[in-house]
Each structure stands twice: as structure tokens, then as C-alpha cells.
């Protein structure tokens, strides 16, 4: 019986993660989606406020390098667990939104 509940838990986890990935992908890559809005706002910021944008880009670059160095050393840590939880939460949100409104 314990094994049955473990399988059900795994299936629910996979379903929620897939729903979260599908919802995030749909809203990111559709026309006028989050990705295009983000890119256009970032381009506007670089054009309108170049010093602020460069000032924010430099720390982001170093954070990225530290993350890559840590990942190459084989210490992934709990970041991947948190990503699974994030996608599960997004899956719950998108499924709930679909059930309540009937729209994706």
C-alpha cells in the first residue's frame, strides 16, 4: 500500500510539473507573451537609462558566473528541488485558473 501511495505521489508531481511548464511556456512564447514584453521592456530600459541598466547587468553577470562555477563543481544544492516546487505551484495555479475561468 505504501508503494501505491508513492507511485500516486510521483504521478501527481509529474502532472503538476508538466502543467506548470506548459502554462509558463504558453504564456512566455505566445505573441505578446511574457518573453516579448520582457525583452521590449529591457530594450527600452537600455535605451532610456543606459547607466542604470549597465549597473544592474554587471552584478547579474557575476552572479551568473558564481552559479555556473558552483554547478560545474557538482554542488547543485537544493536549487533543483525548489525549481520542482516552483513548477508544481505554477501547475496548481494554471490548472485552477483553467477550472475557474475555462480559459488557458
Protein backbone atom coordinates (compact mmCIF):
# COMPACT_ATOMS: atom_id res chain seq x y z
CA UNK A 1 0.00 0.00 0.00
CA UNK A 2 2.89 2.33 0.80
CA UNK A 3 4.31 1.74 -2.67
CA UNK A 4 0.95 2.60 -4.25
CA UNK A 5 0.88 5.99 -2.50
CA UNK A 6 4.47 6.65 -3.58
CA UNK A 7 3.50 5.98 -7.21
CA UNK A 8 0.42 8.22 -6.93
CA UNK A 9 2.51 10.98 -5.37
CA UNK A 10 5.06 10.70 -8.18
CA UNK A 11 2.35 10.83 -10.85
CA UNK A 12 0.76 13.89 -9.27
CA UNK A 13 4.16 15.59 -9.03
CA UNK A 14 4.94 14.88 -12.69
CA UNK A 15 1.48 16.06 -13.79
CA UNK A 16 1.78 19.32 -11.85
CA UNK A 17 5.32 19.98 -13.10
CA UNK A 18 4.23 19.34 -16.70
CA UNK A 19 1.19 21.59 -16.28
CA UNK A 20 3.42 24.32 -14.83
CA UNK A 21 5.95 24.01 -17.65
CA UNK A 22 3.20 24.02 -20.27
CA UNK A 23 1.49 27.07 -18.76
CA UNK A 24 4.71 29.03 -18.37
CA UNK A 25 5.80 28.11 -21.90
CA UNK A 26 2.45 29.08 -23.38
CA UNK A 27 2.35 32.45 -21.65
CA UNK A 28 6.02 33.13 -22.41
CA UNK A 29 6.22 32.26 -26.09
CA UNK A 30 2.82 33.28 -27.46
CA UNK A 31 2.54 36.51 -29.41
CA UNK A 32 2.52 39.37 -26.92
CA UNK A 33 3.56 36.95 -24.17
CA UNK A 34 5.76 37.45 -21.16
CA UNK A 35 9.02 36.91 -23.05
CA UNK A 36 8.34 39.51 -25.71
CA UNK A 37 7.11 42.00 -23.12
CA UNK A 38 10.22 41.41 -21.01
CA UNK A 39 12.58 41.81 -23.95
CA UNK A 40 10.89 45.00 -25.09
CA UNK A 41 10.95 46.48 -21.56
CA UNK A 42 14.60 45.53 -21.16
CA UNK A 43 15.46 47.12 -24.51
CA UNK A 44 13.57 50.27 -23.52
CA UNK A 45 15.49 50.39 -20.24
CA UNK A 46 18.84 50.05 -22.00
CA UNK A 47 17.91 52.85 -24.39
CA UNK A 48 16.29 55.17 -21.85
CA UNK A 49 18.55 54.56 -18.84
CA UNK A 50 21.81 53.03 -20.06
CA UNK A 51 23.86 53.70 -16.90
CA UNK A 52 21.29 52.08 -14.62
CA UNK A 53 20.92 49.12 -16.97
CA UNK A 54 24.67 48.57 -17.16
CA UNK A 55 24.93 48.98 -13.39
CA UNK A 56 22.37 46.20 -12.94
CA UNK A 57 23.88 43.98 -15.62
CA UNK A 58 27.32 43.79 -14.04
CA UNK A 59 26.16 42.17 -10.75
CA UNK A 60 23.88 39.82 -12.72
CA UNK A 61 26.90 38.71 -14.76
CA UNK A 62 28.93 37.91 -11.65
CA UNK A 63 26.02 36.08 -10.02
CA UNK A 64 25.68 34.00 -13.18
CA UNK A 65 29.41 33.18 -13.16
CA UNK A 66 29.31 32.12 -9.50
CA UNK A 67 26.28 29.92 -10.18
CA UNK A 68 28.00 28.28 -13.16
CA UNK A 69 31.22 27.70 -11.18
CA UNK A 70 29.30 26.09 -8.34
CA UNK A 71 27.30 23.96 -10.75
CA UNK A 72 30.46 22.78 -12.52
CA UNK A 73 31.89 21.62 -9.18
CA UNK A 74 28.92 19.29 -8.81
CA UNK A 75 27.22 21.08 -5.95
CA UNK A 76 23.75 21.68 -7.28
CA UNK A 77 22.33 22.06 -3.82
CA UNK A 78 18.62 22.34 -3.28
CA UNK A 79 18.02 24.72 -6.16
CA UNK A 80 16.60 21.93 -8.29
CA UNK A 81 14.18 20.91 -5.55
CA UNK A 82 12.99 24.50 -5.36
CA UNK A 83 12.55 24.58 -9.15
CA UNK A 84 10.35 21.48 -8.97
CA UNK A 85 8.27 23.13 -6.23
CA UNK A 86 8.04 26.31 -8.30
CA UNK A 87 6.78 24.40 -11.34
CA UNK A 88 4.34 22.44 -9.18
CA UNK A 89 2.95 25.69 -7.77
CA UNK A 90 2.67 27.09 -11.30
CA UNK A 91 0.87 23.90 -12.35
CA UNK A 92 -1.60 24.26 -9.49
CA UNK A 93 -2.17 27.89 -10.49
CA UNK A 94 -2.71 27.17 -14.19
CA UNK A 95 -4.97 24.17 -13.54
CA UNK A 96 -7.00 26.17 -11.02
CA UNK A 97 -7.23 29.12 -13.39
CA UNK A 98 -8.45 26.83 -16.16
CA UNK A 99 -11.05 25.18 -13.89
CA UNK A 100 -12.38 28.51 -12.61
CA UNK A 101 -12.36 30.57 -15.82
CA UNK A 102 -12.32 27.94 -18.55
CA UNK A 103 -9.52 29.80 -20.34
CA UNK A 104 -5.84 29.00 -20.58
